[in-house]
Amino acid sequence: MADPLRIDSLRKGPIEINATQMRTPSPRVSEGGRSFQETLTDAMTEVQRLQSEADTTTKQLVAGELKDVSEVMVAVEKADVAFQTMMTVRNKVMTAYEEIMRMQV
């Protein structure tokens, strides 16, 4: 039998895990009952909705249907903040993936 993998835990002494106890992780579902994929999909859908809303309000302003420029600016800024947040999350996920791929097994 191969030497067990020793993992130093923060709670107690070392934990020993042998190869037969290791398994492929199953997809986890968050406490709300939604997977990470569903959460990301919903977030991207919301970003798309905000961008469409900003586009619509801009077109309404240009067409003369809206008189308040602040409505358009708020819609554009909401879309921009949502997009920037999505890109930050994407970059963090890509960095984590690249780091995992560099790990030696």
N, C-alpha and C. Protein backbone atom coordinates (compact mmCIF):
# COMPACT_ATOMS: atom_id res chain seq x y z
N MET A 1 0.84 -1.17 0.00
CA MET A 1 0.00 0.00 0.00
C MET A 1 0.89 1.24 0.00
N ALA A 2 0.47 2.26 -0.77
CA ALA A 2 1.26 3.49 -0.89
C ALA A 2 1.18 4.29 0.40
N ASP A 3 2.16 5.16 0.58
CA ASP A 3 2.16 6.04 1.74
C ASP A 3 0.95 6.95 1.68
N PRO A 4 0.30 7.15 2.80
CA PRO A 4 -0.85 8.04 2.80
C PRO A 4 -0.41 9.49 2.65
N LEU A 5 -1.28 10.29 2.09
CA LEU A 5 -1.06 11.71 1.96
C LEU A 5 -1.32 12.35 3.31
N ARG A 6 -0.36 13.14 3.80
CA ARG A 6 -0.54 13.80 5.11
C ARG A 6 -0.94 15.24 4.87
N ILE A 7 -2.03 15.65 5.50
CA ILE A 7 -2.52 17.01 5.40
C ILE A 7 -2.59 17.58 6.81
N ASP A 8 -1.89 18.69 7.02
CA ASP A 8 -1.93 19.35 8.33
C ASP A 8 -3.17 20.23 8.38
N SER A 9 -4.03 19.90 9.29
CA SER A 9 -5.29 20.62 9.45
C SER A 9 -5.09 21.78 10.42
N LEU A 10 -5.95 22.79 10.30
CA LEU A 10 -5.90 23.92 11.23
C LEU A 10 -6.57 23.56 12.55
N ARG A 11 -7.47 22.59 12.53
CA ARG A 11 -8.24 22.24 13.73
C ARG A 11 -7.47 21.33 14.67
N LYS A 12 -6.93 20.23 14.17
CA LYS A 12 -6.27 19.25 15.02
C LYS A 12 -4.93 18.87 14.41
N GLY A 13 -4.48 17.71 14.78
CA GLY A 13 -3.24 17.19 14.24
C GLY A 13 -3.40 16.80 12.78
N PRO A 14 -2.39 16.19 12.19
CA PRO A 14 -2.43 15.83 10.77
C PRO A 14 -3.51 14.79 10.48
N ILE A 15 -4.06 14.88 9.27
CA ILE A 15 -5.05 13.94 8.79
C ILE A 15 -4.37 13.07 7.74
N GLU A 16 -4.60 11.78 7.78
CA GLU A 16 -4.01 10.89 6.78
C GLU A 16 -5.10 10.41 5.83
N ILE A 17 -4.81 10.54 4.54
CA ILE A 17 -5.74 10.10 3.51
C ILE A 17 -4.96 9.20 2.56
N ASN A 18 -5.46 8.00 2.33
CA ASN A 18 -4.79 7.14 1.36
C ASN A 18 -5.50 7.23 0.02
N ALA A 19 -4.93 6.66 -1.01
CA ALA A 19 -5.43 6.79 -2.38
C ALA A 19 -6.84 6.23 -2.54
N THR A 20 -7.23 5.24 -1.76
CA THR A 20 -8.57 4.67 -1.91
C THR A 20 -9.64 5.60 -1.37
N GLN A 21 -9.27 6.51 -0.48
CA GLN A 21 -10.25 7.45 0.07
C GLN A 21 -10.44 8.68 -0.83
N MET A 22 -9.52 8.91 -1.76
CA MET A 22 -9.62 10.07 -2.63
C MET A 22 -10.61 9.77 -3.75
N ARG A 23 -11.41 10.75 -4.12
CA ARG A 23 -12.39 10.56 -5.18
C ARG A 23 -12.54 11.86 -5.96
N THR A 24 -13.18 11.76 -7.11
CA THR A 24 -13.44 12.94 -7.92
C THR A 24 -14.57 13.72 -7.26
N PRO A 25 -14.39 15.02 -7.07
CA PRO A 25 -15.44 15.80 -6.42
C PRO A 25 -16.67 15.91 -7.31
N SER A 26 -17.83 15.84 -6.69
CA SER A 26 -19.07 16.02 -7.44
C SER A 26 -19.42 17.50 -7.44
N PRO A 27 -20.19 17.96 -8.43
CA PRO A 27 -20.56 19.37 -8.46
C PRO A 27 -21.32 19.74 -7.20
N ARG A 28 -20.94 20.84 -6.61
CA ARG A 28 -21.59 21.27 -5.37
C ARG A 28 -22.72 22.22 -5.68
N VAL A 29 -23.71 22.17 -4.86
CA VAL A 29 -24.85 23.06 -4.97
C VAL A 29 -24.81 23.96 -3.75
N SER A 30 -24.97 25.27 -3.99
CA SER A 30 -24.92 26.22 -2.89
C SER A 30 -26.14 26.04 -1.98
N GLU A 31 -26.12 26.74 -0.86
CA GLU A 31 -27.20 26.60 0.11
C GLU A 31 -28.55 26.96 -0.49
N GLY A 32 -28.56 27.86 -1.45
CA GLY A 32 -29.80 28.27 -2.08
C GLY A 32 -30.32 27.23 -3.07
N GLY A 33 -29.59 26.13 -3.25
CA GLY A 33 -30.02 25.09 -4.16
C GLY A 33 -29.59 25.33 -5.60
N ARG A 34 -28.70 26.30 -5.82
CA ARG A 34 -28.26 26.61 -7.18
C ARG A 34 -26.79 26.30 -7.34
N SER A 35 -26.43 25.81 -8.50
CA SER A 35 -25.02 25.50 -8.76
C SER A 35 -24.26 26.79 -9.12
N PHE A 36 -22.96 26.69 -9.12
CA PHE A 36 -22.10 27.82 -9.48
C PHE A 36 -22.37 28.22 -10.93
N GLN A 37 -22.57 27.24 -11.79
CA GLN A 37 -22.85 27.51 -13.20
C GLN A 37 -24.15 28.30 -13.36
N GLU A 38 -25.18 27.90 -12.64
CA GLU A 38 -26.45 28.62 -12.71
C GLU A 38 -26.30 30.05 -12.21
N THR A 39 -25.53 30.22 -11.16
CA THR A 39 -25.32 31.56 -10.61
C THR A 39 -24.60 32.44 -11.62
N LEU A 40 -23.56 31.91 -12.27
CA LEU A 40 -22.83 32.68 -13.27
C LEU A 40 -23.71 33.00 -14.47
N THR A 41 -24.51 32.02 -14.90
CA THR A 41 -25.40 32.24 -16.04
C THR A 41 -26.40 33.34 -15.73
N ASP A 42 -26.96 33.31 -14.54
CA ASP A 42 -27.91 34.35 -14.15
C ASP A 42 -27.25 35.72 -14.09
N ALA A 43 -26.02 35.76 -13.59
CA ALA A 43 -25.30 37.03 -13.50
C ALA A 43 -25.02 37.60 -14.89
N MET A 44 -24.63 36.74 -15.82
CA MET A 44 -24.36 37.20 -17.19
C MET A 44 -25.65 37.65 -17.88
N THR A 45 -26.75 36.97 -17.59
CA THR A 45 -28.04 37.38 -18.14
C THR A 45 -28.43 38.75 -17.62
N GLU A 46 -28.18 39.00 -16.34
CA GLU A 46 -28.49 40.30 -15.74
C GLU A 46 -27.63 41.40 -16.35
N VAL A 47 -26.35 41.12 -16.61
CA VAL A 47 -25.48 42.11 -17.25
C VAL A 47 -26.00 42.42 -18.64
N GLN A 48 -26.40 41.40 -19.38
CA GLN A 48 -26.95 41.60 -20.72
C GLN A 48 -28.23 42.44 -20.66
N ARG A 49 -29.07 42.18 -19.66
CA ARG A 49 -30.32 42.94 -19.51
C ARG A 49 -30.03 44.41 -19.24
N LEU A 50 -29.05 44.66 -18.36
CA LEU A 50 -28.69 46.04 -18.04
C LEU A 50 -28.11 46.76 -19.25
N GLN A 51 -27.32 46.05 -20.06
CA GLN A 51 -26.76 46.66 -21.26
C GLN A 51 -27.86 46.98 -22.28
N SER A 52 -28.82 46.07 -22.41
CA SER A 52 -29.95 46.31 -23.31
C SER A 52 -30.78 47.50 -22.83
N GLU A 53 -30.99 47.58 -21.52
CA GLU A 53 -31.74 48.70 -20.95
C GLU A 53 -31.03 50.02 -21.20
N ALA A 54 -29.72 50.04 -21.04
CA ALA A 54 -28.94 51.25 -21.30
C ALA A 54 -29.03 51.64 -22.77
N ASP A 55 -28.97 50.66 -23.65
CA ASP A 55 -29.08 50.91 -25.08
C ASP A 55 -30.45 51.48 -25.43
N THR A 56 -31.48 50.90 -24.85
CA THR A 56 -32.85 51.36 -25.11
C THR A 56 -33.05 52.80 -24.63
N THR A 57 -32.58 53.10 -23.41
CA THR A 57 -32.76 54.46 -22.90
C THR A 57 -31.96 55.48 -23.71
N THR A 58 -30.79 55.08 -24.20
CA THR A 58 -30.00 55.97 -25.05
C THR A 58 -30.74 56.26 -26.35
N LYS A 59 -31.30 55.22 -26.95
CA LYS A 59 -32.06 55.41 -28.19
C LYS A 59 -33.29 56.30 -27.95
N GLN A 60 -33.94 56.13 -26.79
CA GLN A 60 -35.11 56.96 -26.47
C GLN A 60 -34.70 58.43 -26.30
N LEU A 61 -33.54 58.67 -25.72
CA LEU A 61 -33.05 60.04 -25.55
C LEU A 61 -32.77 60.67 -26.91
N VAL A 62 -32.11 59.92 -27.78
CA VAL A 62 -31.78 60.43 -29.10
C VAL A 62 -33.05 60.70 -29.92
N ALA A 63 -34.05 59.85 -29.75
CA ALA A 63 -35.31 60.00 -30.49
C ALA A 63 -36.18 61.10 -29.90
N GLY A 64 -35.82 61.64 -28.76
CA GLY A 64 -36.60 62.70 -28.14
C GLY A 64 -37.72 62.20 -27.25
N GLU A 65 -37.77 60.90 -27.00
CA GLU A 65 -38.80 60.33 -26.14
C GLU A 65 -38.52 60.58 -24.67
N LEU A 66 -37.26 60.72 -24.32
CA LEU A 66 -36.86 61.03 -22.94
C LEU A 66 -36.25 62.42 -22.90
N LYS A 67 -36.55 63.16 -21.87
CA LYS A 67 -35.98 64.50 -21.71
C LYS A 67 -34.93 64.54 -20.62
N ASP A 68 -34.94 63.54 -19.74
CA ASP A 68 -34.04 63.52 -18.59
C ASP A 68 -32.76 62.74 -18.92
N VAL A 69 -31.67 63.46 -19.07
CA VAL A 69 -30.39 62.84 -19.40
C VAL A 69 -29.88 61.98 -18.24
N SER A 70 -30.26 62.34 -17.01
CA SER A 70 -29.77 61.59 -15.85
C SER A 70 -30.28 60.15 -15.86
N GLU A 71 -31.47 59.91 -16.39
CA GLU A 71 -31.98 58.53 -16.51
C GLU A 71 -31.06 57.69 -17.38
N VAL A 72 -30.64 58.29 -18.48
CA VAL A 72 -29.75 57.58 -19.41
C VAL A 72 -28.40 57.33 -18.76
N MET A 73 -27.88 58.35 -18.08
CA MET A 73 -26.57 58.20 -17.43
C MET A 73 -26.61 57.13 -16.35
N VAL A 74 -27.69 57.07 -15.58
CA VAL A 74 -27.81 56.06 -14.54
C VAL A 74 -27.85 54.66 -15.16
N ALA A 75 -28.63 54.50 -16.23
CA ALA A 75 -28.73 53.20 -16.90
C ALA A 75 -27.38 52.78 -17.48
N VAL A 76 -26.67 53.71 -18.09
CA VAL A 76 -25.35 53.40 -18.67
C VAL A 76 -24.35 53.05 -17.57
N GLU A 77 -24.36 53.78 -16.47
CA GLU A 77 -23.44 53.49 -15.37
C GLU A 77 -23.74 52.15 -14.71
N LYS A 78 -25.03 51.82 -14.55
CA LYS A 78 -25.39 50.50 -14.00
C LYS A 78 -24.83 49.40 -14.89
N ALA A 79 -25.01 49.55 -16.20
CA ALA A 79 -24.51 48.54 -17.14
C ALA A 79 -22.99 48.46 -17.08
N ASP A 80 -22.34 49.60 -16.98
CA ASP A 80 -20.87 49.62 -16.92
C ASP A 80 -20.34 48.96 -15.66
N VAL A 81 -20.94 49.27 -14.52
CA VAL A 81 -20.50 48.67 -13.25
C VAL A 81 -20.73 47.16 -13.28
N ALA A 82 -21.87 46.73 -13.78
CA ALA A 82 -22.16 45.30 -13.86
C ALA A 82 -21.17 44.59 -14.78
N PHE A 83 -20.85 45.22 -15.92
CA PHE A 83 -19.90 44.61 -16.85
C PHE A 83 -18.50 44.55 -16.25
N GLN A 84 -18.07 45.62 -15.61
CA GLN A 84 -16.74 45.64 -14.98
C GLN A 84 -16.65 44.58 -13.89
N THR A 85 -17.71 44.42 -13.12
CA THR A 85 -17.73 43.39 -12.07
C THR A 85 -17.65 42.00 -12.68
N MET A 86 -18.42 41.77 -13.75
CA MET A 86 -18.38 40.48 -14.43
C MET A 86 -16.97 40.18 -14.97
N MET A 87 -16.32 41.18 -15.54
CA MET A 87 -14.97 40.97 -16.08
C MET A 87 -13.96 40.69 -14.96
N THR A 88 -14.13 41.33 -13.81
CA THR A 88 -13.25 41.07 -12.67
C THR A 88 -13.41 39.63 -12.18
N VAL A 89 -14.66 39.19 -12.08
CA VAL A 89 -14.92 37.80 -11.67
C VAL A 89 -14.34 36.84 -12.69
N ARG A 90 -14.53 37.12 -13.97
CA ARG A 90 -13.98 36.27 -15.03
C ARG A 90 -12.46 36.18 -14.92
N ASN A 91 -11.81 37.31 -14.72
CA ASN A 91 -10.35 37.31 -14.61
C ASN A 91 -9.88 36.51 -13.40
N LYS A 92 -10.59 36.61 -12.29
CA LYS A 92 -10.23 35.83 -11.09
C LYS A 92 -10.41 34.33 -11.34
N VAL A 93 -11.50 33.97 -12.00
CA VAL A 93 -11.75 32.55 -12.30
C VAL A 93 -10.66 32.02 -13.24
N MET A 94 -10.30 32.80 -14.25
CA MET A 94 -9.25 32.37 -15.18
C MET A 94 -7.90 32.23 -14.48
N THR A 95 -7.59 33.15 -13.58
CA THR A 95 -6.34 33.07 -12.83
C THR A 95 -6.32 31.81 -11.96
N ALA A 96 -7.44 31.53 -11.30
CA ALA A 96 -7.53 30.32 -10.47
C ALA A 96 -7.38 29.06 -11.32
N TYR A 97 -8.03 29.04 -12.48
CA TYR A 97 -7.93 27.88 -13.38
C TYR A 97 -6.49 27.67 -13.84
N GLU A 98 -5.82 28.77 -14.24
CA GLU A 98 -4.43 28.65 -14.68
C GLU A 98 -3.53 28.14 -13.56
N GLU A 99 -3.79 28.61 -12.35
CA GLU A 99 -2.99 28.16 -11.21
C GLU A 99 -3.22 26.67 -10.95
N ILE A 100 -4.44 26.23 -11.04
CA ILE A 100 -4.75 24.81 -10.85
C ILE A 100 -4.07 23.98 -11.94
N MET A 101 -4.07 24.47 -13.17
CA MET A 101 -3.46 23.72 -14.27
C MET A 101 -1.94 23.61 -14.09
N ARG A 102 -1.33 24.57 -13.40
CA ARG A 102 0.12 24.51 -13.17
C ARG A 102 0.50 23.58 -12.03
N MET A 103 -0.48 23.15 -11.24
CA MET A 103 -0.20 22.26 -10.11
C MET A 103 0.30 20.91 -10.61
N GLN A 104 1.24 20.36 -9.91
CA GLN A 104 1.73 19.05 -10.26
C GLN A 104 1.01 18.02 -9.39
N VAL A 105 0.62 16.94 -10.03
CA VAL A 105 -0.13 15.90 -9.33
C VAL A 105 0.80 14.80 -8.90
